[in-house]
Amino acid sequence: MKRGKPKLYEDEAIVLDILPPSRLERAAHVERGMLLTQILGVGHFTLLEAAINQSLNPKPGMRIYIGKDVPRPLIRIIRRIGYNELTENAKYELERAVEALVKSREGEIIQFINTCGPLTPRLHALEALPGIGRKLSMRIIEERNREPFKTFEDVEKRVGIQNIDKIIVKRIIEELSDPNTKHWLFTRPPSHQTI
């Protein structure tokens, strides 16, 4: 029996873009009445290409259920895609979607800030966040050891960082857009990576 990391599935996604019908014709396994879309999984920030039934009237920014029990005539996940495969509209929408998800998952992200540890003997997870170096990461650790952080605002006031939510958004976009990323703090690693 083969054992390994459990597969990660998305239950919900945000529509990033609807592709032109000419792209749909190349996807031979997609039925008539379907729209080819690029979507972002809500749970693991997975970039996907999906066929969505026109009857659902998908629009960029719309949140949809894509779990295992969704009827295939309504939504069919075609494949995982990379950041470079996104349309310009999808890239624009991606940033907005990630910003909204970071705000809605504030508690989860604060939990990460309160509990994360070293990634390697020389690199702490906090140092992987844009603009946070060794000195600032040590300050965050000292503060969280005194009392765990409760909100983004709490982190900002106690440590002197501005816009911690935007720092997290930037890190997520970096993880999605840079295939050479070594550490995935918030997103699902690309399928071609062996971890």
C-alpha atoms as a PDB file:
ATOM      1  CA  MET A   1       0.000   0.000   0.000  1.00  0.00           C
ATOM      2  CA  LYS A   2       1.390   3.381  -1.024  1.00  0.00           C
ATOM      3  CA  ARG A   3       1.639   5.913   1.781  1.00  0.00           C
ATOM      4  CA  GLY A   4       2.501   9.563   1.621  1.00  0.00           C
ATOM      5  CA  LYS A   5       1.059  12.950   2.274  1.00  0.00           C
ATOM      6  CA  PRO A   6      -2.724  13.043   2.105  1.00  0.00           C
ATOM      7  CA  LYS A   7      -4.177  14.688  -0.988  1.00  0.00           C
ATOM      8  CA  LEU A   8      -5.450  18.189  -0.423  1.00  0.00           C
ATOM      9  CA  TYR A   9      -8.798  19.011  -1.944  1.00  0.00           C
ATOM     10  CA  GLU A  10     -10.561  22.317  -2.195  1.00  0.00           C
ATOM     11  CA  ASP A  11     -14.203  22.660  -1.183  1.00  0.00           C
ATOM     12  CA  GLU A  12     -14.719  26.235  -2.286  1.00  0.00           C
ATOM     13  CA  ALA A  13     -13.146  28.488  -4.878  1.00  0.00           C
ATOM     14  CA  ILE A  14     -13.252  32.042  -6.141  1.00  0.00           C
ATOM     15  CA  VAL A  15     -13.706  32.609  -9.871  1.00  0.00           C
ATOM     16  CA  LEU A  16     -10.776  34.616 -11.238  1.00  0.00           C
ATOM     17  CA  ASP A  17     -11.620  34.765 -14.947  1.00  0.00           C
ATOM     18  CA  ILE A  18     -13.837  33.265 -17.651  1.00  0.00           C
ATOM     19  CA  LEU A  19     -11.791  32.239 -20.681  1.00  0.00           C
ATOM     20  CA  PRO A  20     -12.846  32.876 -24.271  1.00  0.00           C
ATOM     21  CA  PRO A  21     -14.809  30.109 -26.054  1.00  0.00           C
ATOM     22  CA  SER A  22     -11.832  29.440 -28.372  1.00  0.00           C
ATOM     23  CA  ARG A  23      -9.890  28.052 -25.373  1.00  0.00           C
ATOM     24  CA  LEU A  24     -12.849  25.805 -24.523  1.00  0.00           C
ATOM     25  CA  GLU A  25     -12.724  24.146 -27.932  1.00  0.00           C
ATOM     26  CA  ARG A  26      -9.213  22.888 -27.156  1.00  0.00           C
ATOM     27  CA  ALA A  27     -10.460  21.256 -23.942  1.00  0.00           C
ATOM     28  CA  ALA A  28     -12.017  18.248 -25.682  1.00  0.00           C
ATOM     29  CA  HIS A  29     -13.373  16.700 -22.485  1.00  0.00           C
ATOM     30  CA  VAL A  30     -15.596  19.699 -21.691  1.00  0.00           C
ATOM     31  CA  GLU A  31     -19.262  19.482 -22.674  1.00  0.00           C
ATOM     32  CA  ARG A  32     -21.365  22.093 -24.413  1.00  0.00           C
ATOM     33  CA  GLY A  33     -22.910  24.698 -22.171  1.00  0.00           C
ATOM     34  CA  MET A  34     -19.787  24.910 -20.036  1.00  0.00           C
ATOM     35  CA  LEU A  35     -17.509  27.900 -19.529  1.00  0.00           C
ATOM     36  CA  LEU A  36     -13.784  27.432 -19.062  1.00  0.00           C
ATOM     37  CA  THR A  37     -12.650  29.338 -15.964  1.00  0.00           C
ATOM     38  CA  GLN A  38      -9.597  29.981 -13.839  1.00  0.00           C
ATOM     39  CA  ILE A  39     -10.332  29.696 -10.124  1.00  0.00           C
ATOM     40  CA  LEU A  40      -8.548  29.967  -6.761  1.00  0.00           C
ATOM     41  CA  GLY A  41      -9.204  27.354  -4.090  1.00  0.00           C
ATOM     42  CA  VAL A  42     -10.172  28.966  -0.803  1.00  0.00           C
ATOM     43  CA  GLY A  43      -8.637  26.410   1.567  1.00  0.00           C
ATOM     44  CA  HIS A  44      -5.145  25.928   0.151  1.00  0.00           C
ATOM     45  CA  PHE A  45      -4.867  28.759  -2.407  1.00  0.00           C
ATOM     46  CA  THR A  46      -4.757  26.214  -5.246  1.00  0.00           C
ATOM     47  CA  LEU A  47      -4.901  27.627  -8.784  1.00  0.00           C
ATOM     48  CA  LEU A  48      -7.216  25.541 -10.946  1.00  0.00           C
ATOM     49  CA  GLU A  49      -8.816  25.437 -14.355  1.00  0.00           C
ATOM     50  CA  ALA A  50     -12.451  24.377 -14.234  1.00  0.00           C
ATOM     51  CA  ALA A  51     -15.439  24.002 -16.528  1.00  0.00           C
ATOM     52  CA  ILE A  52     -18.473  25.664 -14.988  1.00  0.00           C
ATOM     53  CA  ASN A  53     -21.991  25.310 -16.357  1.00  0.00           C
ATOM     54  CA  GLN A  54     -23.289  28.513 -17.912  1.00  0.00           C
ATOM     55  CA  SER A  55     -26.467  28.145 -15.822  1.00  0.00           C
ATOM     56  CA  LEU A  56     -24.440  29.062 -12.720  1.00  0.00           C
ATOM     57  CA  ASN A  57     -23.615  32.394 -14.398  1.00  0.00           C
ATOM     58  CA  PRO A  58     -20.025  32.541 -13.054  1.00  0.00           C
ATOM     59  CA  LYS A  59     -18.411  35.956 -12.713  1.00  0.00           C
ATOM     60  CA  PRO A  60     -14.973  37.024 -11.449  1.00  0.00           C
ATOM     61  CA  GLY A  61     -14.990  37.333  -7.668  1.00  0.00           C
ATOM     62  CA  MET A  62     -17.883  34.867  -7.275  1.00  0.00           C
ATOM     63  CA  ARG A  63     -17.421  32.174  -4.614  1.00  0.00           C
ATOM     64  CA  ILE A  64     -18.516  28.681  -5.648  1.00  0.00           C
ATOM     65  CA  TYR A  65     -18.659  25.219  -4.094  1.00  0.00           C
ATOM     66  CA  ILE A  66     -16.318  22.780  -5.872  1.00  0.00           C
ATOM     67  CA  GLY A  67     -16.182  19.910  -3.337  1.00  0.00           C
ATOM     68  CA  LYS A  68     -16.048  16.225  -4.245  1.00  0.00           C
ATOM     69  CA  ASP A  69     -19.831  15.816  -4.302  1.00  0.00           C
ATOM     70  CA  VAL A  70     -20.538  18.695  -6.724  1.00  0.00           C
ATOM     71  CA  PRO A  71     -22.437  17.366  -9.768  1.00  0.00           C
ATOM     72  CA  ARG A  72     -20.029  17.057 -12.716  1.00  0.00           C
ATOM     73  CA  PRO A  73     -22.533  18.590 -15.161  1.00  0.00           C
ATOM     74  CA  LEU A  74     -22.307  21.773 -13.051  1.00  0.00           C
ATOM     75  CA  ILE A  75     -18.593  22.047 -12.236  1.00  0.00           C
ATOM     76  CA  ARG A  76     -15.687  19.936 -13.403  1.00  0.00           C
ATOM     77  CA  ILE A  77     -12.135  20.570 -12.247  1.00  0.00           C
ATOM     78  CA  ILE A  78      -9.896  20.083 -15.262  1.00  0.00           C
ATOM     79  CA  ARG A  79      -6.401  20.586 -13.843  1.00  0.00           C
ATOM     80  CA  ARG A  80      -4.093  22.535 -11.577  1.00  0.00           C
ATOM     81  CA  ILE A  81      -2.447  25.485 -13.248  1.00  0.00           C
ATOM     82  CA  GLY A  82       0.522  27.710 -12.533  1.00  0.00           C
ATOM     83  CA  TYR A  83       0.552  31.447 -12.000  1.00  0.00           C
ATOM     84  CA  ASN A  84       2.088  32.014 -15.442  1.00  0.00           C
ATOM     85  CA  GLU A  85      -0.953  30.364 -17.061  1.00  0.00           C
ATOM     86  CA  LEU A  86      -3.313  32.931 -15.536  1.00  0.00           C
ATOM     87  CA  THR A  87      -4.783  35.598 -17.776  1.00  0.00           C
ATOM     88  CA  GLU A  88      -4.006  39.231 -16.923  1.00  0.00           C
ATOM     89  CA  ASN A  89      -7.587  39.577 -15.625  1.00  0.00           C
ATOM     90  CA  ALA A  90      -7.118  36.501 -13.434  1.00  0.00           C
ATOM     91  CA  LYS A  91      -3.865  37.907 -11.984  1.00  0.00           C
ATOM     92  CA  TYR A  92      -5.647  41.147 -11.117  1.00  0.00           C
ATOM     93  CA  GLU A  93      -8.578  39.284  -9.579  1.00  0.00           C
ATOM     94  CA  LEU A  94      -6.163  36.943  -7.723  1.00  0.00           C
ATOM     95  CA  GLU A  95      -4.744  39.791  -5.669  1.00  0.00           C
ATOM     96  CA  ARG A  96      -8.225  40.979  -4.703  1.00  0.00           C
ATOM     97  CA  ALA A  97      -9.301  37.424  -3.835  1.00  0.00           C
ATOM     98  CA  VAL A  98      -6.205  36.801  -1.691  1.00  0.00           C
ATOM     99  CA  GLU A  99      -6.721  40.115   0.150  1.00  0.00           C
ATOM    100  CA  ALA A 100     -10.318  39.139   0.961  1.00  0.00           C
ATOM    101  CA  LEU A 101      -9.294  35.637   2.084  1.00  0.00           C
ATOM    102  CA  VAL A 102      -6.514  36.957   4.329  1.00  0.00           C
ATOM    103  CA  LYS A 103      -8.984  39.315   6.037  1.00  0.00           C
ATOM    104  CA  SER A 104     -11.563  36.536   6.458  1.00  0.00           C
ATOM    105  CA  ARG A 105      -8.939  34.118   7.832  1.00  0.00           C
ATOM    106  CA  GLU A 106      -7.354  36.569  10.286  1.00  0.00           C
ATOM    107  CA  GLY A 107      -7.633  34.122  13.213  1.00  0.00           C
ATOM    108  CA  GLU A 108      -5.852  31.368  11.266  1.00  0.00           C
ATOM    109  CA  ILE A 109      -3.041  33.689  10.223  1.00  0.00           C
ATOM    110  CA  ILE A 110      -2.648  35.067  13.748  1.00  0.00           C
ATOM    111  CA  GLN A 111      -2.397  31.450  14.945  1.00  0.00           C
ATOM    112  CA  PHE A 112       0.429  30.942  12.427  1.00  0.00           C
ATOM    113  CA  ILE A 113       2.234  34.080  13.698  1.00  0.00           C
ATOM    114  CA  ASN A 114       1.804  32.875  17.297  1.00  0.00           C
ATOM    115  CA  THR A 115       3.070  29.333  16.691  1.00  0.00           C
ATOM    116  CA  CYS A 116       5.386  29.179  13.665  1.00  0.00           C
ATOM    117  CA  GLY A 117       8.950  28.042  14.166  1.00  0.00           C
ATOM    118  CA  PRO A 118      12.203  27.671  12.248  1.00  0.00           C
ATOM    119  CA  LEU A 119      12.116  26.435   8.648  1.00  0.00           C
ATOM    120  CA  THR A 120      15.827  25.633   8.691  1.00  0.00           C
ATOM    121  CA  PRO A 121      18.569  26.066  11.319  1.00  0.00           C
ATOM    122  CA  ARG A 122      19.226  29.547   9.892  1.00  0.00           C
ATOM    123  CA  LEU A 123      15.753  30.691   8.786  1.00  0.00           C
ATOM    124  CA  HIS A 124      12.674  31.265  10.927  1.00  0.00           C
ATOM    125  CA  ALA A 125       9.280  31.172   9.194  1.00  0.00           C
ATOM    126  CA  LEU A 126       8.684  34.798  10.200  1.00  0.00           C
ATOM    127  CA  GLU A 127      11.809  35.846   8.280  1.00  0.00           C
ATOM    128  CA  ALA A 128      10.266  34.411   5.099  1.00  0.00           C
ATOM    129  CA  LEU A 129       7.620  37.140   5.249  1.00  0.00           C
ATOM    130  CA  PRO A 130       8.464  40.135   3.014  1.00  0.00           C
ATOM    131  CA  GLY A 131      10.166  42.932   4.944  1.00  0.00           C
ATOM    132  CA  ILE A 132      10.631  40.929   8.146  1.00  0.00           C
ATOM    133  CA  GLY A 133      14.257  40.263   8.898  1.00  0.00           C
ATOM    134  CA  ARG A 134      16.038  38.621  11.813  1.00  0.00           C
ATOM    135  CA  LYS A 135      15.663  41.572  14.186  1.00  0.00           C
ATOM    136  CA  LEU A 136      11.947  42.027  13.604  1.00  0.00           C
ATOM    137  CA  SER A 137      11.247  38.309  13.784  1.00  0.00           C
ATOM    138  CA  MET A 138      12.995  38.167  17.186  1.00  0.00           C
ATOM    139  CA  ARG A 139      10.804  41.047  18.359  1.00  0.00           C
ATOM    140  CA  ILE A 140       7.657  39.233  17.203  1.00  0.00           C
ATOM    141  CA  ILE A 141       8.763  36.072  19.026  1.00  0.00           C
ATOM    142  CA  GLU A 142       9.462  38.033  22.245  1.00  0.00           C
ATOM    143  CA  GLU A 143       6.039  39.688  22.088  1.00  0.00           C
ATOM    144  CA  ARG A 144       4.136  36.481  21.334  1.00  0.00           C
ATOM    145  CA  ASN A 145       5.955  34.757  24.224  1.00  0.00           C
ATOM    146  CA  ARG A 146       4.715  37.492  26.585  1.00  0.00           C
ATOM    147  CA  GLU A 147       1.170  37.161  25.314  1.00  0.00           C
ATOM    148  CA  PRO A 148      -0.169  35.595  22.103  1.00  0.00           C
ATOM    149  CA  PHE A 149      -1.347  38.052  19.468  1.00  0.00           C
ATOM    150  CA  LYS A 150      -5.101  38.381  18.996  1.00  0.00           C
ATOM    151  CA  THR A 151      -5.513  40.403  15.779  1.00  0.00           C
ATOM    152  CA  PHE A 152      -3.531  41.979  12.946  1.00  0.00           C
ATOM    153  CA  GLU A 153      -3.919  45.311  14.729  1.00  0.00           C
ATOM    154  CA  ASP A 154      -2.487  43.777  17.917  1.00  0.00           C
ATOM    155  CA  VAL A 155       0.634  42.615  16.005  1.00  0.00           C
ATOM    156  CA  GLU A 156       1.015  46.033  14.383  1.00  0.00           C
ATOM    157  CA  LYS A 157       0.735  47.965  17.669  1.00  0.00           C
ATOM    158  CA  ARG A 158       2.953  45.724  19.773  1.00  0.00           C
ATOM    159  CA  VAL A 159       5.698  45.135  17.210  1.00  0.00           C
ATOM    160  CA  GLY A 160       5.567  48.330  15.173  1.00  0.00           C
ATOM    161  CA  ILE A 161       4.812  46.670  11.830  1.00  0.00           C
ATOM    162  CA  GLN A 162       2.429  48.347   9.428  1.00  0.00           C
ATOM    163  CA  ASN A 163      -0.102  46.447   7.313  1.00  0.00           C
ATOM    164  CA  ILE A 164       0.730  42.893   8.416  1.00  0.00           C
ATOM    165  CA  ASP A 165      -2.226  41.696   6.323  1.00  0.00           C
ATOM    166  CA  LYS A 166      -0.616  43.167   3.182  1.00  0.00           C
ATOM    167  CA  ILE A 167       2.674  41.432   4.087  1.00  0.00           C
ATOM    168  CA  ILE A 168       0.810  38.102   4.247  1.00  0.00           C
ATOM    169  CA  VAL A 169      -0.942  38.819   0.916  1.00  0.00           C
ATOM    170  CA  LYS A 170       2.423  39.595  -0.687  1.00  0.00           C
ATOM    171  CA  ARG A 171       3.891  36.332   0.647  1.00  0.00           C
ATOM    172  CA  ILE A 172       0.946  34.292  -0.686  1.00  0.00           C
ATOM    173  CA  ILE A 173       1.256  35.902  -4.132  1.00  0.00           C
ATOM    174  CA  GLU A 174       5.021  35.200  -4.073  1.00  0.00           C
ATOM    175  CA  GLU A 175       4.382  31.542  -3.228  1.00  0.00           C
ATOM    176  CA  LEU A 176       1.884  31.261  -6.082  1.00  0.00           C
ATOM    177  CA  SER A 177       3.971  33.123  -8.657  1.00  0.00           C
ATOM    178  CA  ASP A 178       7.526  31.925  -7.975  1.00  0.00           C
ATOM    179  CA  PRO A 179       8.092  28.294  -8.990  1.00  0.00           C
ATOM    180  CA  ASN A 180      11.454  28.376  -7.193  1.00  0.00           C
ATOM    181  CA  THR A 181       9.955  29.042  -3.770  1.00  0.00           C
ATOM    182  CA  LYS A 182      11.616  26.822  -1.198  1.00  0.00           C
ATOM    183  CA  HIS A 183       9.061  27.076   1.606  1.00  0.00           C
ATOM    184  CA  TRP A 184       5.276  27.155   1.389  1.00  0.00           C
ATOM    185  CA  LEU A 185       3.845  28.838   4.445  1.00  0.00           C
ATOM    186  CA  PHE A 186       0.297  29.446   3.234  1.00  0.00           C
ATOM    187  CA  THR A 187      -0.218  27.821  -0.162  1.00  0.00           C
ATOM    188  CA  ARG A 188      -0.263  24.334  -1.564  1.00  0.00           C
ATOM    189  CA  PRO A 189       3.095  23.443  -3.167  1.00  0.00           C
ATOM    190  CA  PRO A 190       3.052  22.952  -6.947  1.00  0.00           C
ATOM    191  CA  SER A 191       2.315  19.395  -8.028  1.00  0.00           C
ATOM    192  CA  HIS A 192       5.730  19.025  -9.699  1.00  0.00           C
ATOM    193  CA  GLN A 193       7.548  19.567  -6.400  1.00  0.00           C
ATOM    194  CA  THR A 194       8.702  16.589  -4.362  1.00  0.00           C
ATOM    195  CA  ILE A 195       8.534  17.419  -0.701  1.00  0.00           C
END
